[in-house]
Protein backbone atom coordinates (compact mmCIF):
# COMPACT_ATOMS: atom_id res chain seq x y z
CA MET A 1 66.71 -72.34 -119.69
CA LYS A 2 63.52 -70.41 -118.91
CA LYS A 3 65.01 -69.18 -115.64
CA ILE A 4 68.16 -67.91 -117.34
CA LEU A 5 66.11 -66.15 -120.01
CA LEU A 6 63.86 -64.60 -117.34
CA LEU A 7 66.92 -63.51 -115.34
CA LEU A 8 68.52 -61.87 -118.40
CA THR A 9 65.28 -60.11 -119.31
CA THR A 10 64.95 -58.75 -115.77
CA LEU A 11 68.57 -57.60 -115.77
CA VAL A 12 68.18 -55.77 -119.09
CA ALA A 13 64.95 -54.11 -117.91
CA MET A 14 66.54 -52.93 -114.66
CA THR A 15 69.58 -51.57 -116.52
CA ALA A 16 67.41 -49.64 -118.97
CA CYS A 17 65.38 -48.15 -116.11
CA SER A 18 68.46 -47.03 -114.20
CA LEU A 19 69.83 -45.26 -117.28
CA CYS A 20 66.63 -43.29 -117.83
CA PHE A 21 65.82 -42.59 -114.20
CA ALA A 22 67.10 -39.44 -112.40
CA ALA A 23 69.14 -37.98 -115.23
CA ASP A 24 69.47 -34.67 -113.34
CA GLY A 25 70.78 -36.29 -110.16
CA ASN A 26 74.41 -35.20 -110.56
CA ASP A 27 73.44 -31.62 -111.37
CA LEU A 28 71.17 -31.45 -108.35
CA ASN A 29 73.89 -32.79 -106.05
CA LYS A 30 76.40 -30.17 -107.24
CA GLN A 31 73.86 -27.38 -107.00
CA GLN A 32 72.75 -28.38 -103.52
CA LYS A 33 76.37 -28.23 -102.32
CA THR A 34 76.57 -24.67 -103.66
CA CYS A 35 73.27 -23.81 -101.95
CA GLU A 36 74.56 -25.22 -98.66
CA ARG A 37 77.65 -23.01 -98.87
CA PHE A 38 75.49 -19.89 -99.25
CA ILE A 39 73.14 -21.01 -96.48
CA ASP A 40 76.19 -21.53 -94.27
CA ALA A 41 77.31 -18.02 -95.19
CA ILE A 42 74.25 -16.59 -93.44
CA ASP A 43 73.90 -19.22 -90.73
CA ALA A 44 77.17 -20.89 -89.76
CA ALA A 45 79.88 -19.48 -87.57
CA PRO A 46 82.43 -19.04 -88.97
CA ALA A 47 80.92 -18.30 -92.36
CA PRO A 48 82.74 -19.59 -95.46
CA GLU A 49 85.37 -17.22 -96.80
CA TYR A 50 84.81 -15.44 -100.11
CA ALA A 51 87.59 -17.58 -101.62
CA VAL A 52 85.38 -20.65 -101.04
CA ILE A 53 82.30 -18.96 -102.52
CA SER A 54 83.83 -17.26 -105.58
CA PRO A 55 84.57 -20.42 -107.66
CA LEU A 56 80.88 -21.35 -107.40
CA LEU A 57 79.76 -18.17 -109.20
CA ASN A 58 79.03 -17.61 -112.87
CA ALA A 59 81.60 -15.29 -114.51
CA LYS A 60 79.08 -12.43 -114.87
CA LEU A 61 77.95 -12.73 -111.26
CA ALA A 62 81.54 -12.97 -110.02
CA GLU A 63 82.25 -9.52 -111.50
CA LYS A 64 79.44 -7.96 -109.44
CA PHE A 65 79.60 -10.15 -106.33
CA THR A 66 83.00 -9.18 -104.92
CA ASP A 67 84.31 -9.91 -101.44
CA LYS A 68 83.03 -6.53 -100.18
CA VAL A 69 79.59 -7.18 -101.68
CA TYR A 70 79.65 -10.67 -100.12
CA ALA A 71 80.26 -9.22 -96.65
CA ALA A 72 77.55 -6.57 -97.13
CA TRP A 73 75.15 -9.26 -98.42
CA GLN A 74 75.68 -11.40 -95.31
CA LYS A 75 75.07 -8.42 -93.04
CA GLY A 76 72.02 -7.29 -95.04
CA VAL A 77 70.33 -10.71 -94.92
CA LYS A 78 70.77 -10.91 -91.16
CA GLU A 79 69.45 -7.36 -90.67
CA GLN A 80 66.44 -7.84 -92.95
CA PHE A 81 65.36 -11.36 -91.98
CA GLY A 82 67.13 -12.06 -88.68
CA GLN A 83 68.95 -15.23 -87.68
CA LEU A 84 68.30 -18.30 -89.85
CA LYS A 85 66.66 -21.03 -87.81
CA GLU A 86 66.16 -23.67 -90.49
CA ALA A 87 66.38 -24.13 -94.26
CA LYS A 88 64.55 -26.96 -96.06
CA PHE A 89 64.96 -28.07 -99.66
CA ILE A 90 61.67 -27.66 -101.53
CA ALA A 91 62.12 -27.95 -105.29
CA PHE A 92 64.45 -28.53 -108.22
CA GLU A 93 63.30 -27.18 -111.59
CA ARG A 94 64.97 -27.62 -114.95
CA LEU A 95 64.42 -24.52 -117.12
CA GLY A 96 65.95 -25.32 -120.50
CA THR A 97 69.71 -25.02 -120.02
CA ALA A 98 69.33 -23.32 -116.64
CA SER A 99 67.91 -24.72 -113.45
CA ARG A 100 66.47 -23.45 -110.19
CA VAL A 101 66.78 -24.83 -106.66
CA THR A 102 64.39 -23.54 -104.00
CA TYR A 103 64.68 -23.72 -100.24
CA VAL A 104 62.31 -22.36 -97.61
CA GLY A 105 64.03 -20.74 -94.68
CA ASN A 106 62.62 -19.95 -91.26
CA PHE A 107 64.17 -16.75 -89.96
CA ALA A 108 63.78 -14.91 -86.66
CA LYS A 109 61.98 -11.93 -88.24
CA ASN A 110 60.17 -13.79 -91.06
CA ASP A 111 58.63 -17.21 -90.57
CA LYS A 112 58.92 -18.29 -94.17
CA VAL A 113 61.26 -16.97 -96.83
CA ALA A 114 61.84 -18.62 -100.22
CA ILE A 115 65.55 -18.80 -100.99
CA ILE A 116 65.87 -19.23 -104.75
CA PHE A 117 69.13 -20.22 -106.44
CA ALA A 118 69.41 -20.08 -110.26
CA PHE A 119 72.19 -22.01 -112.04
CA ASP A 120 73.58 -22.05 -115.57
CA GLU A 121 74.33 -25.15 -117.66
CA LYS A 122 77.76 -25.48 -115.99
CA ASN A 123 76.17 -25.53 -112.50
CA ALA A 124 77.59 -22.09 -111.67
CA LEU A 125 75.37 -19.77 -109.64
CA LEU A 126 73.62 -17.15 -111.79
CA GLU A 127 71.28 -15.54 -109.28
CA LEU A 128 70.30 -15.71 -105.63
CA ALA A 129 67.06 -14.25 -104.32
CA PHE A 130 65.22 -14.08 -101.01
CA ARG A 131 61.44 -13.68 -101.23
CA PRO A 132 59.24 -13.52 -98.13
CA ILE A 133 56.24 -15.83 -98.40
CA PRO A 134 53.14 -13.91 -97.29
CA LYS A 135 50.90 -15.46 -94.69
CA PRO A 136 47.51 -16.50 -96.06
CA ALA A 137 44.84 -13.87 -95.42
CA GLU A 138 42.43 -14.88 -92.75
CA ALA A 139 38.85 -15.21 -93.90
CA LYS A 140 36.68 -12.44 -92.52
CA PRO A 141 33.10 -13.30 -91.65
CA ALA A 142 30.54 -11.86 -94.01
CA GLU A 143 28.67 -8.85 -92.69
CA SER A 144 24.93 -9.20 -92.48
CA LYS A 145 22.73 -6.47 -93.95
């Protein structure tokens, strides 16, 4: 009887933990798939078509980010930062109803660039930003007087 009671207690505890653990997991998975599509748009050949990208956008962003803007964006990223060598997932942040997913990309012209994706509560892309990460300043030796 003690073993059955212990088994039931363990089962209930494990079930309660699984319900409370990683509540944002599904949102993160959906958002990472969107991020991967945009990373493929600047890295993969052939790049995803605009028809694949457009359903992932928030309605307000979709009005501004047309197929012509999409093509110009791809070209501009490659001109400014060079070819993407690698992109690594860094962080997922929940910001009230919105959330932010951050990757760090290594490009040919810039070693480290933060690629920041902002999402709304429906997991639609709100904003996409590229921010170069400055190299730490080297310490200069103190001058003697």
